[in-house]
C-alpha atoms as a PDB file:
ATOM      1  CA  MET A   1       0.000   0.000   0.000  1.00  0.00           C
ATOM      2  CA  ALA A   2       1.154   3.491  -0.674  1.00  0.00           C
ATOM      3  CA  ASN A   3       2.623   5.239   2.318  1.00  0.00           C
ATOM      4  CA  GLY A   4       0.375   8.255   1.735  1.00  0.00           C
ATOM      5  CA  ILE A   5      -2.895   6.353   2.080  1.00  0.00           C
ATOM      6  CA  ASP A   6      -5.738   8.187   3.844  1.00  0.00           C
ATOM      7  CA  ILE A   7      -7.400   5.942   6.435  1.00  0.00           C
ATOM      8  CA  THR A   8      -9.368   8.667   8.231  1.00  0.00           C
ATOM      9  CA  GLY A   9     -12.592   7.192   9.615  1.00  0.00           C
ATOM     10  CA  GLN A  10     -11.587   3.583   9.004  1.00  0.00           C
ATOM     11  CA  ARG A  11     -11.935   1.030  11.802  1.00  0.00           C
ATOM     12  CA  PHE A  12      -9.225  -1.353  12.941  1.00  0.00           C
ATOM     13  CA  GLY A  13     -10.568  -3.657  15.626  1.00  0.00           C
ATOM     14  CA  ARG A  14     -11.887  -1.273  18.313  1.00  0.00           C
ATOM     15  CA  LEU A  15      -9.942   1.693  16.894  1.00  0.00           C
ATOM     16  CA  THR A  16     -11.154   4.390  14.518  1.00  0.00           C
ATOM     17  CA  ALA A  17      -8.495   6.474  12.773  1.00  0.00           C
ATOM     18  CA  VAL A  18      -9.264  10.140  13.530  1.00  0.00           C
ATOM     19  CA  LYS A  19      -6.416  12.085  11.952  1.00  0.00           C
ATOM     20  CA  LEU A  20      -2.856  11.772  10.731  1.00  0.00           C
ATOM     21  CA  ILE A  21      -0.265  13.079  13.195  1.00  0.00           C
ATOM     22  CA  PRO A  22       1.577  15.969  11.454  1.00  0.00           C
ATOM     23  CA  ARG A  23       5.207  15.186  10.708  1.00  0.00           C
ATOM     24  CA  GLU A  24       6.456  18.046  12.900  1.00  0.00           C
ATOM     25  CA  GLU A  25       4.602  16.574  15.907  1.00  0.00           C
ATOM     26  CA  ARG A  26       6.118  13.090  15.545  1.00  0.00           C
ATOM     27  CA  THR A  27       8.687  12.637  18.289  1.00  0.00           C
ATOM     28  CA  TRP A  28      10.080   9.268  17.193  1.00  0.00           C
ATOM     29  CA  SER A  29      13.387   9.275  15.309  1.00  0.00           C
ATOM     30  CA  ASN A  30      12.298   8.037  11.863  1.00  0.00           C
ATOM     31  CA  LYS A  31       9.192  10.285  11.704  1.00  0.00           C
ATOM     32  CA  GLU A  32       7.113   7.453  10.243  1.00  0.00           C
ATOM     33  CA  ARG A  33       3.398   8.010   9.757  1.00  0.00           C
ATOM     34  CA  ALA A  34       1.089   7.565  12.734  1.00  0.00           C
ATOM     35  CA  TRP A  35      -2.563   8.222  13.438  1.00  0.00           C
ATOM     36  CA  LEU A  36      -4.536   9.575  16.327  1.00  0.00           C
ATOM     37  CA  CYS A  37      -7.142   6.877  16.979  1.00  0.00           C
ATOM     38  CA  LYS A  38     -10.276   6.759  19.137  1.00  0.00           C
ATOM     39  CA  CYS A  39     -10.960   3.469  20.890  1.00  0.00           C
ATOM     40  CA  ASP A  40     -14.448   2.130  21.523  1.00  0.00           C
ATOM     41  CA  CYS A  41     -13.663   2.343  25.251  1.00  0.00           C
ATOM     42  CA  GLY A  42     -13.414   6.148  24.898  1.00  0.00           C
ATOM     43  CA  ASN A  43      -9.635   6.508  25.111  1.00  0.00           C
ATOM     44  CA  GLU A  44      -7.484   8.093  22.410  1.00  0.00           C
ATOM     45  CA  CYS A  45      -4.075   6.776  21.389  1.00  0.00           C
ATOM     46  CA  ILE A  46      -1.427   7.280  18.723  1.00  0.00           C
ATOM     47  CA  VAL A  47      -0.731   4.231  16.570  1.00  0.00           C
ATOM     48  CA  ARG A  48       1.896   3.915  13.852  1.00  0.00           C
ATOM     49  CA  GLN A  49       0.383   3.303  10.443  1.00  0.00           C
ATOM     50  CA  ARG A  50       2.288   0.041   9.951  1.00  0.00           C
ATOM     51  CA  ASN A  51       0.650  -1.299  13.120  1.00  0.00           C
ATOM     52  CA  LEU A  52      -2.797  -0.554  11.713  1.00  0.00           C
ATOM     53  CA  LEU A  53      -2.230  -1.875   8.201  1.00  0.00           C
ATOM     54  CA  GLY A  54       0.307  -4.639   8.793  1.00  0.00           C
ATOM     55  CA  ALA A  55      -0.132  -8.311   9.539  1.00  0.00           C
ATOM     56  CA  ARG A  56      -0.138  -7.720  13.309  1.00  0.00           C
ATOM     57  CA  VAL A  57      -2.951  -5.187  13.557  1.00  0.00           C
ATOM     58  CA  THR A  58      -3.259  -3.095  16.725  1.00  0.00           C
ATOM     59  CA  LYS A  59      -6.876  -3.674  17.779  1.00  0.00           C
ATOM     60  CA  SER A  60      -7.314  -1.318  20.719  1.00  0.00           C
ATOM     61  CA  CYS A  61      -5.763   1.403  22.858  1.00  0.00           C
ATOM     62  CA  GLY A  62      -4.596  -1.368  25.173  1.00  0.00           C
ATOM     63  CA  CYS A  63      -7.922  -2.117  26.827  1.00  0.00           C
ATOM     64  CA  LEU A  64      -8.096  -5.483  25.070  1.00  0.00           C
ATOM     65  CA  ARG A  65      -4.862  -6.470  26.798  1.00  0.00           C
ATOM     66  CA  LYS A  66      -6.732  -6.133  30.094  1.00  0.00           C
ATOM     67  CA  ILE A  67      -9.583  -8.197  28.705  1.00  0.00           C
ATOM     68  CA  ASP A  68      -7.238 -10.886  27.328  1.00  0.00           C
ATOM     69  CA  ALA A  69      -5.422 -11.057  30.677  1.00  0.00           C
ATOM     70  CA  PHE A  70      -8.746 -11.297  32.498  1.00  0.00           C
ATOM     71  CA  LEU A  71      -9.964 -14.122  30.265  1.00  0.00           C
ATOM     72  CA  ALA A  72      -6.727 -16.026  30.895  1.00  0.00           C
ATOM     73  CA  THR A  73      -6.876 -15.768  34.677  1.00  0.00           C
ATOM     74  CA  ASN A  74     -10.454 -15.292  35.919  1.00  0.00           C
ATOM     75  CA  GLY A  75     -12.479 -18.084  37.457  1.00  0.00           C
ATOM     76  CA  VAL A  76     -15.499 -17.696  35.143  1.00  0.00           C
ATOM     77  CA  LYS A  77     -14.472 -19.812  32.170  1.00  0.00           C
ATOM     78  CA  THR A  78     -17.456 -19.181  29.899  1.00  0.00           C
ATOM     79  CA  LEU A  79     -17.098 -15.399  29.586  1.00  0.00           C
ATOM     80  CA  THR A  80     -16.296 -14.109  26.108  1.00  0.00           C
ATOM     81  CA  GLU A  81     -14.374 -11.140  24.736  1.00  0.00           C
ATOM     82  CA  GLU A  82     -17.580  -9.932  23.092  1.00  0.00           C
ATOM     83  CA  TYR A  83     -19.390  -9.875  26.447  1.00  0.00           C
ATOM     84  CA  LEU A  84     -16.550  -8.073  28.208  1.00  0.00           C
ATOM     85  CA  CYS A  85     -16.283  -5.476  25.437  1.00  0.00           C
ATOM     86  CA  SER A  86     -19.915  -4.560  26.087  1.00  0.00           C
ATOM     87  CA  PHE A  87     -18.794  -2.752  29.260  1.00  0.00           C
ATOM     88  CA  ASP A  88     -17.655   0.774  28.423  1.00  0.00           C
ATOM     89  CA  ASP A  89     -15.722   1.077  31.688  1.00  0.00           C
ATOM     90  CA  PHE A  90     -13.726  -2.138  32.062  1.00  0.00           C
ATOM     91  CA  ASP A  91     -12.042  -0.942  35.264  1.00  0.00           C
ATOM     92  CA  LYS A  92     -15.477  -0.539  36.858  1.00  0.00           C
ATOM     93  CA  PHE A  93     -16.414  -4.025  35.653  1.00  0.00           C
ATOM     94  CA  LEU A  94     -13.206  -5.412  37.216  1.00  0.00           C
ATOM     95  CA  PHE A  95     -13.971  -3.674  40.508  1.00  0.00           C
ATOM     96  CA  ILE A  96     -17.439  -5.230  40.675  1.00  0.00           C
ATOM     97  CA  HIS A  97     -16.105  -8.637  39.573  1.00  0.00           C
ATOM     98  CA  ARG A  98     -13.449  -8.680  42.297  1.00  0.00           C
ATOM     99  CA  SER A  99     -15.972  -7.582  44.914  1.00  0.00           C
ATOM    100  CA  ILE A 100     -18.404 -10.298  43.864  1.00  0.00           C
ATOM    101  CA  ILE A 101     -15.881 -13.145  43.819  1.00  0.00           C
ATOM    102  CA  ARG A 102     -14.719 -12.232  47.320  1.00  0.00           C
ATOM    103  CA  THR A 103     -18.319 -12.699  48.458  1.00  0.00           C
ATOM    104  CA  ILE A 104     -19.556 -15.560  46.299  1.00  0.00           C
ATOM    105  CA  ASN A 105     -17.942 -18.946  45.650  1.00  0.00           C
ATOM    106  CA  LEU A 106     -17.615 -19.021  41.852  1.00  0.00           C
ATOM    107  CA  THR A 107     -17.333 -22.798  41.782  1.00  0.00           C
ATOM    108  CA  ASN A 108     -20.967 -23.001  42.887  1.00  0.00           C
ATOM    109  CA  ILE A 109     -22.472 -20.328  40.632  1.00  0.00           C
ATOM    110  CA  ASP A 110     -23.684 -20.602  37.040  1.00  0.00           C
ATOM    111  CA  ILE A 111     -22.801 -18.003  34.427  1.00  0.00           C
ATOM    112  CA  SER A 112     -26.295 -16.480  34.221  1.00  0.00           C
ATOM    113  CA  LYS A 113     -26.344 -15.863  37.972  1.00  0.00           C
ATOM    114  CA  TYR A 114     -22.841 -14.362  37.858  1.00  0.00           C
ATOM    115  CA  THR A 115     -23.797 -11.963  35.045  1.00  0.00           C
ATOM    116  CA  ASP A 116     -26.966 -11.001  36.945  1.00  0.00           C
ATOM    117  CA  TYR A 117     -24.783  -9.781  39.828  1.00  0.00           C
ATOM    118  CA  ILE A 118     -22.341  -7.955  37.544  1.00  0.00           C
ATOM    119  CA  GLU A 119     -24.957  -6.215  35.404  1.00  0.00           C
ATOM    120  CA  TYR A 120     -27.191  -5.307  38.342  1.00  0.00           C
ATOM    121  CA  PHE A 121     -24.464  -3.317  40.063  1.00  0.00           C
ATOM    122  CA  TYR A 122     -22.765  -2.038  36.898  1.00  0.00           C
ATOM    123  CA  TYR A 123     -25.944  -0.191  35.909  1.00  0.00           C
ATOM    124  CA  GLN A 124     -27.330   0.524  39.395  1.00  0.00           C
ATOM    125  CA  ASN A 125     -27.585   4.242  40.151  1.00  0.00           C
ATOM    126  CA  GLU A 126     -26.686   3.753  43.816  1.00  0.00           C
ATOM    127  CA  PHE A 127     -23.485   1.835  43.058  1.00  0.00           C
ATOM    128  CA  ASN A 128     -22.461   4.319  40.372  1.00  0.00           C
ATOM    129  CA  LYS A 129     -22.901   7.228  42.793  1.00  0.00           C
ATOM    130  CA  LEU A 130     -20.709   5.412  45.332  1.00  0.00           C
ATOM    131  CA  TYR A 131     -18.103   4.500  42.734  1.00  0.00           C
ATOM    132  CA  THR A 132     -17.927   8.065  41.393  1.00  0.00           C
ATOM    133  CA  PHE A 133     -17.717   9.444  44.953  1.00  0.00           C
ATOM    134  CA  TRP A 134     -14.772   7.121  45.641  1.00  0.00           C
ATOM    135  CA  GLN A 135     -13.053   8.031  42.374  1.00  0.00           C
ATOM    136  CA  GLN A 136     -13.208  11.709  43.333  1.00  0.00           C
ATOM    137  CA  GLN A 137     -11.471  11.235  46.683  1.00  0.00           C
ATOM    138  CA  GLN A 138      -7.747  11.115  47.428  1.00  0.00           C
ATOM    139  CA  ARG A 139      -7.660   7.369  47.883  1.00  0.00           C
ATOM    140  CA  SER A 140      -5.591   5.280  50.286  1.00  0.00           C
ATOM    141  CA  VAL A 141      -3.930   2.033  49.213  1.00  0.00           C
ATOM    142  CA  THR A 142      -4.845   0.336  52.511  1.00  0.00           C
ATOM    143  CA  PHE A 143      -8.048  -1.459  53.484  1.00  0.00           C
ATOM    144  CA  TYR A 144      -9.080   1.701  55.290  1.00  0.00           C
ATOM    145  CA  ASP A 145      -9.767   3.566  52.079  1.00  0.00           C
ATOM    146  CA  LEU A 146     -12.910   4.866  53.747  1.00  0.00           C
ATOM    147  CA  ALA A 147     -14.754   6.012  50.618  1.00  0.00           C
ATOM    148  CA  LYS A 148     -14.188   2.742  48.743  1.00  0.00           C
ATOM    149  CA  PRO A 149     -17.361   0.803  47.836  1.00  0.00           C
ATOM    150  CA  SER A 150     -17.599  -2.365  49.899  1.00  0.00           C
ATOM    151  CA  ILE A 151     -20.114  -5.208  49.688  1.00  0.00           C
ATOM    152  CA  ASP A 152     -22.470  -5.276  52.678  1.00  0.00           C
ATOM    153  CA  HIS A 153     -25.098  -7.844  53.585  1.00  0.00           C
ATOM    154  CA  ILE A 154     -28.430  -6.105  54.195  1.00  0.00           C
ATOM    155  CA  ILE A 155     -29.194  -8.838  56.722  1.00  0.00           C
ATOM    156  CA  PRO A 156     -25.738  -9.812  58.034  1.00  0.00           C
ATOM    157  CA  LYS A 157     -24.605 -13.396  57.498  1.00  0.00           C
ATOM    158  CA  ALA A 158     -24.150 -13.628  61.284  1.00  0.00           C
ATOM    159  CA  ARG A 159     -27.892 -12.975  61.538  1.00  0.00           C
ATOM    160  CA  GLY A 160     -28.874 -15.550  58.906  1.00  0.00           C
ATOM    161  CA  GLY A 161     -28.421 -13.412  55.787  1.00  0.00           C
ATOM    162  CA  THR A 162     -27.424 -14.958  52.467  1.00  0.00           C
ATOM    163  CA  ASN A 163     -25.243 -14.060  49.490  1.00  0.00           C
ATOM    164  CA  GLU A 164     -28.300 -13.765  47.247  1.00  0.00           C
ATOM    165  CA  LEU A 165     -28.516 -10.628  45.126  1.00  0.00           C
ATOM    166  CA  ASP A 166     -31.467  -9.233  47.057  1.00  0.00           C
ATOM    167  CA  ASN A 167     -29.408  -9.320  50.279  1.00  0.00           C
ATOM    168  CA  ILE A 168     -26.225  -7.575  49.130  1.00  0.00           C
ATOM    169  CA  GLN A 169     -25.513  -3.935  48.489  1.00  0.00           C
ATOM    170  CA  PHE A 170     -22.528  -1.615  48.327  1.00  0.00           C
ATOM    171  CA  LEU A 171     -21.750   0.886  51.085  1.00  0.00           C
ATOM    172  CA  THR A 172     -18.536   2.789  51.699  1.00  0.00           C
ATOM    173  CA  VAL A 173     -15.925   0.966  53.781  1.00  0.00           C
ATOM    174  CA  PHE A 174     -16.560   3.580  56.487  1.00  0.00           C
ATOM    175  CA  GLU A 175     -20.302   2.929  56.667  1.00  0.00           C
ATOM    176  CA  ASN A 176     -19.861  -0.830  56.387  1.00  0.00           C
ATOM    177  CA  LEU A 177     -17.526  -0.802  59.399  1.00  0.00           C
ATOM    178  CA  ALA A 178     -19.935   1.424  61.355  1.00  0.00           C
ATOM    179  CA  LYS A 179     -22.971  -0.750  60.541  1.00  0.00           C
ATOM    180  CA  ARG A 180     -21.255  -3.876  61.895  1.00  0.00           C
ATOM    181  CA  ASP A 181     -23.792  -6.684  62.499  1.00  0.00           C
ATOM    182  CA  MET A 182     -26.924  -4.544  62.341  1.00  0.00           C
ATOM    183  CA  THR A 183     -29.489  -5.130  59.642  1.00  0.00           C
ATOM    184  CA  MET A 184     -29.916  -2.207  57.271  1.00  0.00           C
ATOM    185  CA  GLU A 185     -33.266  -1.443  58.883  1.00  0.00           C
ATOM    186  CA  GLU A 186     -31.664  -1.361  62.339  1.00  0.00           C
ATOM    187  CA  TRP A 187     -28.765   0.747  61.055  1.00  0.00           C
ATOM    188  CA  ASN A 188     -31.086   3.323  59.514  1.00  0.00           C
ATOM    189  CA  GLU A 189     -33.095   3.501  62.741  1.00  0.00           C
ATOM    190  CA  PHE A 190     -29.883   3.922  64.748  1.00  0.00           C
ATOM    191  CA  LYS A 191     -28.748   6.830  62.557  1.00  0.00           C
ATOM    192  CA  VAL A 192     -32.089   8.589  63.043  1.00  0.00           C
ATOM    193  CA  LYS A 193     -32.294   7.998  66.822  1.00  0.00           C
ATOM    194  CA  THR A 194     -28.705   9.080  67.481  1.00  0.00           C
ATOM    195  CA  ASN A 195     -28.697  11.865  64.889  1.00  0.00           C
ATOM    196  CA  THR A 196     -25.616  10.274  63.332  1.00  0.00           C
ATOM    197  CA  HIS A 197     -24.506  11.783  60.020  1.00  0.00           C
ATOM    198  CA  SER A 198     -21.514  11.437  57.734  1.00  0.00           C
ATOM    199  CA  ASN A 199     -20.678  12.406  54.172  1.00  0.00           C
ATOM    200  CA  TYR A 200     -19.544   8.778  53.801  1.00  0.00           C
ATOM    201  CA  PHE A 201     -23.072   7.470  54.405  1.00  0.00           C
ATOM    202  CA  ILE A 202     -25.064   6.309  51.404  1.00  0.00           C
ATOM    203  CA  GLU A 203     -27.931   8.776  51.881  1.00  0.00           C
ATOM    204  CA  GLU A 204     -25.510  11.719  51.772  1.00  0.00           C
ATOM    205  CA  ILE A 205     -23.672  10.349  48.742  1.00  0.00           C
ATOM    206  CA  MET A 206     -26.972   9.894  46.911  1.00  0.00           C
ATOM    207  CA  LYS A 207     -27.660  13.586  47.566  1.00  0.00           C
ATOM    208  CA  GLY A 208     -24.266  14.495  46.137  1.00  0.00           C
ATOM    209  CA  GLY A 209     -22.308  14.970  49.365  1.00  0.00           C
ATOM    210  CA  ASP A 210     -18.538  15.414  49.341  1.00  0.00           C
ATOM    211  CA  ALA A 211     -16.320  13.704  51.928  1.00  0.00           C
ATOM    212  CA  ASN A 212     -14.097  16.775  51.914  1.00  0.00           C
ATOM    213  CA  GLU A 213     -16.868  19.118  53.045  1.00  0.00           C
END
């Protein structure tokens, strides 16, 4: 193919070529042609033309490497690349996946039940508010990352609660630690009776509270 080919708008895997990088902006030594590309995941990246048109085509901004690594190591063997690519925010998917597998024994769960858990929380307004709240904080690398979403049992397992979807929710680590072995009903009553408030509590986060206030 001629070196001067125009591939603007063409798709290569998950990438769409947006524009040719001007020669004067190319920082690599041989100044070979490269394209600004937009990935289906929303990220932009610069890809050399030979890696788009050659035998070893670059298929993504790098997000597929995460997906390929996940498929090679996760405990849910029947998941497909097509299914995983349906999640626009793969990091959020991974967060929910890791939370779920710490709670549920994957060896005893079928794929439809697993995907019910993943999709329920991925699209749930409450979880997304919590997740965004956490993303906006200056996060700790320890367990006591107090804004981090953490799976809570609405009726604690110590009180006979199960791992079924209708008995689990996400709260911040801070609220989960404060709730301890209370049911959610008891915890809500306790907060009202004791006039206990925190910007880390779910009701404040749902109103748009900021932990830094």
